[in-house]
Amino acid sequence: MNFPCDVIHIDTGWFKRDWHCDWEFDKKRFSDPERMFKEAREKGFRISLWQEPYVIKDTDIWREAKKKKVLAKNKAPFLFQLRYPASVIDFSNPKAVDWYKGLLKRLLDMGASAIKVDFGEGIEPAMKFLKYDGRQMHNLFPLLYNKAAFEITKEVTNDGVIWARSAYAGSQRYPIHWSGDNSANHENMLCSLRGGLSLGLCGFSFWSQDTGAFVGTPTDELYIRWTQLSIFQSHIRFHGAPPRYREPWNYEPETQRIVRNFLNLRYHDTE
């Protein structure tokens, strides 16, 4: 189909159970991750992986984290995605930071190129961290989360890049940030542009959003408009929830032709 592309992203389903992040590939569906990374790289693709900073209770990784005392305490139940009881990694604790970096290092050593640093904005007042209470940590948490993922990625791959959702003052040191779950309408596309321009004025040189929008069903016309907006940003990612996925081949042939032309414009060598 000849759509230029550099990165393939694997979202929430690479674990044994969807959304249940344990930083381990499901062996039934990903029998040889190292080979997958290697073959993808040979074909010109790098792979990024989704994960999050909340450890779902009663999983093996939660029991490990509990034993190592790397989780924040919480006086009230914390529900990830409003359905999964979970605990939060305590990024104010150097031991927890090292533990988390070790989880990512194993994946990066396998061949992953980038980590999607999703979530991080859900810190609640009732939580207690090693150095701070929940109110103090609410805004600081994303910065420490971004920093940990960025540092280990830079150390292993020599490329300082993450794909982060939450941020705080100083997070521009740990690019890249995208706008989170936008909606498939023209008004939200305009909001994404305004938000990104404002973010840029705050010193965030690199920013993006889910091209085509994450929530809802983009029309062909909206999909084209969002592509036109995105090709002039530092980074672009087509990403969204069903029923209509955001890969170009899910749209009409004429839409595919237009999108391909704009993507080729982005990749055009001006030298």
Foldseek 3Di string as FASTA:
>chain_A
DQFDDQEDEDEQPQPPDGVQDPLDGDCVVCVQLLVVLVVCVVVRYAYEYEDEQKHFPPDPSQVVCVVVVQWWDFPDFDADVNHTTTTGGQLVDPVSLVVVLVSVLVVVVSRHQEYAHEDQQPQDQRIGHPVDGSVVCNQVRQQSSLVSRQVSSCVRVVDREYEYEHHHQPSLVRDDYEPPAFAQDPVRLVVRVVVVVVVVVSVNQAYYYAQNGADDHHALVSNLVSLLVGLPGPDYHHAYDDPQGRDLVSHDPVSSVSSSVSSVVSVDDPD
